[in-house]
């Protein structure tokens, strides 16, 4: 990871985020769509997916890719971050 990049970790999510479009008892769901066929762009958003997938936030995260190359790029980035596994579907 470049030295000029800092990872900010919060001890709890912002209160407003916890109530965003969810019914009582439901977990928020967030999807990351990779359809631009440019694997070099994946590292710009995959760390956000990994951060949201942290069990402390209670968010279900899924990635959807339009090619195997994009899915591999996503898995490589998330794997290097050593966060929880995130399901990836290839359309």
Protein backbone atom coordinates (compact mmCIF):
# COMPACT_ATOMS: atom_id res chain seq x y z
CA UNK A 1 0.00 0.00 0.00
CA UNK A 2 1.41 3.45 -0.85
CA UNK A 3 2.69 5.38 2.13
CA UNK A 4 0.62 8.45 1.29
CA UNK A 5 -2.64 6.50 1.79
CA UNK A 6 -4.18 6.36 5.24
CA UNK A 7 -6.92 3.99 6.31
CA UNK A 8 -9.34 5.62 8.72
CA UNK A 9 -11.19 3.26 11.01
CA UNK A 10 -14.22 4.32 13.02
CA UNK A 11 -15.34 2.54 16.13
CA UNK A 12 -18.97 2.77 15.03
CA UNK A 13 -20.84 3.86 11.91
CA UNK A 14 -22.49 7.28 11.74
CA UNK A 15 -25.98 7.11 13.22
CA UNK A 16 -27.62 8.40 10.03
CA UNK A 17 -26.04 5.59 8.01
CA UNK A 18 -27.54 2.94 10.28
CA UNK A 19 -31.08 4.01 9.43
CA UNK A 20 -30.65 4.50 5.69
CA UNK A 21 -33.60 2.96 3.83
CA UNK A 22 -33.90 -0.11 6.03
CA UNK A 23 -36.83 -1.64 7.82
CA UNK A 24 -36.43 -2.63 11.46
CA UNK A 25 -34.32 -5.77 11.66
CA UNK A 26 -33.06 -5.52 8.06
CA UNK A 27 -29.42 -5.00 7.20
CA UNK A 28 -28.50 -2.40 4.59
CA UNK A 29 -27.28 -3.89 1.30
CA UNK A 30 -24.63 -2.25 -0.88
CA UNK A 31 -23.56 -3.41 -4.33
CA UNK A 32 -20.43 -2.45 -6.26
CA UNK A 33 -20.82 -2.76 -10.04
CA UNK A 34 -17.71 -3.17 -12.20
CA UNK A 35 -18.76 -2.88 -15.84
CA UNK A 36 -16.13 -0.60 -17.38
CA UNK A 37 -13.75 -3.41 -18.50
CA UNK A 38 -10.79 -1.59 -16.98
CA UNK A 39 -9.35 -3.66 -14.10
CA UNK A 40 -6.93 -0.86 -13.23
CA UNK A 41 -9.95 1.16 -11.98
CA UNK A 42 -11.04 -1.47 -9.42
CA UNK A 43 -8.56 -0.37 -6.68
CA UNK A 44 -10.35 2.98 -6.49
CA UNK A 45 -13.53 1.50 -4.96
CA UNK A 46 -12.71 -2.03 -3.77
CA UNK A 47 -11.21 -0.73 -0.49
CA UNK A 48 -14.56 0.97 0.22
CA UNK A 49 -16.33 -2.34 -0.32
CA UNK A 50 -13.90 -4.03 2.06
CA UNK A 51 -14.41 -1.35 4.70
CA UNK A 52 -18.22 -1.59 4.47
CA UNK A 53 -18.05 -5.40 4.71
CA UNK A 54 -16.50 -5.12 8.18
CA UNK A 55 -18.95 -6.95 10.48
CA UNK A 56 -19.09 -3.97 12.85
CA UNK A 57 -21.14 -2.00 10.30
CA UNK A 58 -23.80 -4.66 9.75
CA UNK A 59 -23.89 -4.09 5.97
CA UNK A 60 -24.28 -6.83 3.35
CA UNK A 61 -21.82 -6.08 0.52
CA UNK A 62 -21.73 -7.73 -2.89
CA UNK A 63 -19.68 -7.05 -6.01
CA UNK A 64 -20.92 -7.63 -9.55
CA UNK A 65 -18.54 -7.71 -12.51
CA UNK A 66 -19.09 -8.00 -16.24
CA UNK A 67 -15.87 -9.94 -16.87
CA UNK A 68 -13.63 -12.48 -15.18
CA UNK A 69 -10.75 -9.98 -15.30
CA UNK A 70 -12.73 -7.45 -13.27
CA UNK A 71 -13.81 -10.11 -10.77
CA UNK A 72 -10.18 -11.26 -10.35
CA UNK A 73 -8.99 -7.67 -9.89
CA UNK A 74 -11.62 -7.12 -7.20
CA UNK A 75 -10.70 -10.34 -5.37
CA UNK A 76 -7.00 -9.47 -5.53
CA UNK A 77 -7.51 -6.02 -4.00
CA UNK A 78 -9.89 -7.21 -1.27
CA UNK A 79 -7.65 -10.20 -0.53
CA UNK A 80 -4.63 -7.96 0.05
CA UNK A 81 -6.66 -5.95 2.55
CA UNK A 82 -7.33 -9.12 4.58
CA UNK A 83 -10.93 -8.17 5.27
CA UNK A 84 -14.01 -10.38 5.27
CA UNK A 85 -14.90 -12.31 2.12
CA UNK A 86 -17.19 -10.44 -0.28
CA UNK A 87 -19.30 -12.38 -2.78
CA UNK A 88 -18.55 -11.56 -6.43
CA UNK A 89 -20.88 -12.40 -9.30
CA UNK A 90 -19.85 -12.34 -12.94
CA UNK A 91 -22.70 -11.39 -15.29
